[in-house]
Amino acid sequence: MEFYKNKKKSAQLIIICLGIFISLVVVFLYCIGLFTGDISTKLAGISAVLALILIIVIVRMLLSLNQSAPLLTLSKEGITSAVTAVSKAAGLIYWQDIQDITITKSGWDTLILLHVGRATYYMPIIEKKLSAMAITGIQDSTDTLQIFLTASELDMDAKELLRIIQDYRNKHV
């Protein structure tokens, strides 16, 4: 079972990011004195850096908009996901290693949390692909990995995705 990117949601997100980018450019132009003649170097620097970061994000989003590969795949072996950096780095997460699947709220997003055993198997794979800062805190004291999945780019909400994952796991494992 494969789940693909919802292009409508992605396009809306790109439009929102473009609006923020334009706002940052206006702030930058104001800070360099284009409108008033007064210069504010600190705010100009901050707005320029944020605008550069945002334009990189927008370009990456535009490049991935026509991606034809599934973001989430449920197979008889396990879950392969590219919806978060850690889940993408982990590769195939075997059903027998998933101890529990829960739902949690993080900021404005509702996430699916996979409690994955065999951290000694998955951590070297993840560490090869991600920086130490990106994987800080994914392993708890019981040697269980906490890998998050998001449905924000898919055609469904997190509760529906959780139900589908649990149903698929119960039928095929």
Protein backbone atom coordinates (compact mmCIF):
# COMPACT_ATOMS: atom_id res chain seq x y z
CA MET A 1 0.00 0.00 0.00
CA GLU A 2 1.51 3.30 -1.08
CA PHE A 3 0.74 6.89 -0.16
CA TYR A 4 1.74 9.81 -2.36
CA LYS A 5 2.20 13.54 -1.90
CA ASN A 6 -0.94 15.66 -1.97
CA LYS A 7 0.04 18.26 -4.58
CA LYS A 8 -2.76 20.64 -3.60
CA LYS A 9 -1.54 20.82 0.03
CA SER A 10 2.05 21.23 -1.17
CA ALA A 11 1.11 24.03 -3.57
CA GLN A 12 -0.75 25.86 -0.79
CA LEU A 13 2.30 25.55 1.45
CA ILE A 14 4.53 26.94 -1.31
CA ILE A 15 2.18 29.92 -1.74
CA ILE A 16 2.26 30.61 2.01
CA CYS A 17 6.07 30.42 1.98
CA LEU A 18 6.22 32.78 -1.00
CA GLY A 19 4.06 35.27 0.92
CA ILE A 20 6.42 35.11 3.89
CA PHE A 21 9.40 35.45 1.54
CA ILE A 22 7.94 38.58 -0.05
CA SER A 23 7.32 40.03 3.41
CA LEU A 24 10.94 39.37 4.37
CA VAL A 25 12.16 41.05 1.18
CA VAL A 26 10.02 44.12 1.96
CA VAL A 27 11.42 44.20 5.52
CA PHE A 28 14.94 43.92 4.10
CA LEU A 29 14.36 46.76 1.64
CA TYR A 30 12.91 48.92 4.43
CA CYS A 31 15.88 48.14 6.69
CA ILE A 32 18.47 49.11 4.10
CA GLY A 33 16.80 52.51 3.84
CA LEU A 34 15.13 52.23 0.47
CA PHE A 35 11.88 53.81 1.68
CA THR A 36 12.94 56.11 4.52
CA GLY A 37 16.70 56.59 4.25
CA ASP A 38 17.28 55.11 7.73
CA ILE A 39 19.45 51.99 7.88
CA SER A 40 19.00 49.15 10.35
CA THR A 41 21.82 46.70 9.71
CA LYS A 42 20.92 44.07 12.30
CA LEU A 43 17.33 43.70 11.15
CA ALA A 44 18.45 43.81 7.51
CA GLY A 45 20.90 40.99 8.16
CA ILE A 46 18.35 38.88 10.00
CA SER A 47 15.69 39.35 7.33
CA ALA A 48 18.22 38.59 4.56
CA VAL A 49 19.35 35.36 6.22
CA LEU A 50 15.76 34.24 6.84
CA ALA A 51 14.83 35.09 3.24
CA LEU A 52 17.78 33.05 1.92
CA ILE A 53 16.80 30.06 4.06
CA LEU A 54 13.20 30.37 2.94
CA ILE A 55 14.11 30.57 -0.75
CA ILE A 56 16.15 27.37 -0.39
CA VAL A 57 13.15 25.68 1.24
CA ILE A 58 10.84 26.94 -1.53
CA VAL A 59 13.17 25.69 -4.28
CA ARG A 60 13.41 22.26 -2.62
CA MET A 61 9.62 22.13 -2.29
CA LEU A 62 9.20 23.06 -5.96
CA LEU A 63 11.67 20.36 -7.02
CA SER A 64 9.90 17.71 -4.95
CA LEU A 65 6.43 18.74 -6.16
CA ASN A 66 6.59 16.45 -9.20
CA GLN A 67 8.16 13.58 -7.29
CA SER A 68 6.50 10.33 -8.36
CA ALA A 69 7.87 8.09 -5.60
CA PRO A 70 5.54 7.28 -2.70
CA LEU A 71 6.16 9.07 0.58
CA LEU A 72 4.93 6.15 2.66
CA THR A 73 4.83 2.47 1.79
CA LEU A 74 3.27 -0.29 3.87
CA SER A 75 4.50 -3.76 2.91
CA LYS A 76 4.40 -7.22 4.45
CA GLU A 77 7.90 -6.59 5.84
CA GLY A 78 7.27 -3.18 7.37
CA ILE A 79 7.04 0.56 6.79
CA THR A 80 9.20 2.61 4.46
CA SER A 81 8.67 6.33 4.89
CA ALA A 82 10.05 9.59 3.54
CA VAL A 83 7.72 11.95 5.42
CA THR A 84 10.30 12.91 8.06
CA ALA A 85 14.09 12.98 7.95
CA VAL A 86 14.52 10.28 10.61
CA SER A 87 11.96 7.93 9.05
CA LYS A 88 13.62 8.37 5.65
CA ALA A 89 17.06 7.71 7.11
CA ALA A 90 15.85 4.58 8.93
CA GLY A 91 14.75 2.94 5.69
CA LEU A 92 12.58 -0.13 6.09
CA ILE A 93 11.24 -0.41 9.64
CA TYR A 94 10.23 -4.01 10.23
CA TRP A 95 6.81 -4.75 11.75
CA GLN A 96 8.32 -7.07 14.37
CA ASP A 97 10.52 -4.19 15.59
CA ILE A 98 7.58 -1.81 16.05
CA GLN A 99 6.49 -2.22 19.66
CA ASP A 100 3.71 0.37 19.68
CA ILE A 101 2.09 2.97 17.43
CA THR A 102 0.58 6.07 19.02
CA ILE A 103 -0.54 9.52 18.00
CA THR A 104 0.88 12.72 19.47
CA LYS A 105 0.54 16.46 18.95
CA SER A 106 3.59 18.57 18.16
CA GLY A 107 3.00 22.23 17.50
CA TRP A 108 0.35 22.54 14.78
CA ASP A 109 0.92 19.02 13.46
CA THR A 110 -0.46 15.71 14.67
CA LEU A 111 2.21 13.02 14.36
CA ILE A 112 2.21 9.26 14.42
CA LEU A 113 4.84 7.94 16.80
CA LEU A 114 6.44 4.58 16.12
CA HIS A 115 8.09 3.01 19.17
CA VAL A 116 10.78 0.89 17.53
CA GLY A 117 12.86 -1.73 19.31
CA ARG A 118 16.30 -2.95 18.18
CA ALA A 119 17.87 0.48 18.41
CA THR A 120 21.27 -1.14 17.93
CA TYR A 121 20.19 -2.12 14.40
CA TYR A 122 18.57 1.17 13.33
CA MET A 123 20.81 3.79 15.01
CA PRO A 124 23.95 3.11 12.90
CA ILE A 125 21.83 3.35 9.73
CA ILE A 126 20.27 6.64 10.86
CA GLU A 127 23.59 8.07 12.11
CA LYS A 128 25.20 7.51 8.69
CA LYS A 129 22.57 9.69 7.01
CA LEU A 130 21.79 12.40 9.59
CA SER A 131 23.76 14.72 11.82
CA ALA A 132 23.96 14.15 15.57
CA MET A 133 21.76 17.19 16.15
CA ALA A 134 18.93 15.71 14.05
CA ILE A 135 18.85 12.46 16.01
CA THR A 136 19.23 13.85 19.50
CA GLY A 137 16.49 12.47 21.72
CA ILE A 138 15.08 9.79 19.43
CA GLN A 139 16.35 6.99 21.67
CA ASP A 140 14.82 6.69 25.14
CA SER A 141 16.16 5.02 28.29
CA THR A 142 14.57 1.65 27.40
CA ASP A 143 16.61 1.40 24.17
CA THR A 144 13.54 2.20 22.07
CA LEU A 145 13.63 4.58 19.13
CA GLN A 146 10.89 7.13 18.71
CA ILE A 147 10.34 7.69 15.00
CA PHE A 148 7.70 10.22 13.97
CA LEU A 149 5.57 10.12 10.83
CA THR A 150 3.50 13.05 9.60
CA ALA A 151 0.48 13.01 7.33
CA SER A 152 0.75 16.72 6.50
CA GLU A 153 1.88 16.08 2.91
CA LEU A 154 -0.47 13.14 2.31
CA ASP A 155 -4.10 13.02 1.22
CA MET A 156 -5.34 12.25 4.75
CA ASP A 157 -5.10 13.32 8.36
CA ALA A 158 -2.97 11.63 11.02
CA LYS A 159 -5.85 9.78 12.74
CA GLU A 160 -6.92 8.18 9.47
CA LEU A 161 -3.30 7.25 8.64
CA LEU A 162 -2.87 5.72 12.11
CA ARG A 163 -6.01 3.62 11.60
CA ILE A 164 -4.78 2.44 8.17
CA ILE A 165 -1.32 1.52 9.53
CA GLN A 166 -2.79 -0.39 12.47
CA ASP A 167 -5.31 -2.23 10.26
CA TYR A 168 -2.60 -3.14 7.75
CA ARG A 169 -0.30 -4.37 10.51
CA ASN A 170 -3.06 -6.48 12.10
CA LYS A 171 -3.93 -8.11 8.75
CA HIS A 172 -0.41 -8.82 7.52
CA VAL A 173 1.65 -9.53 10.62
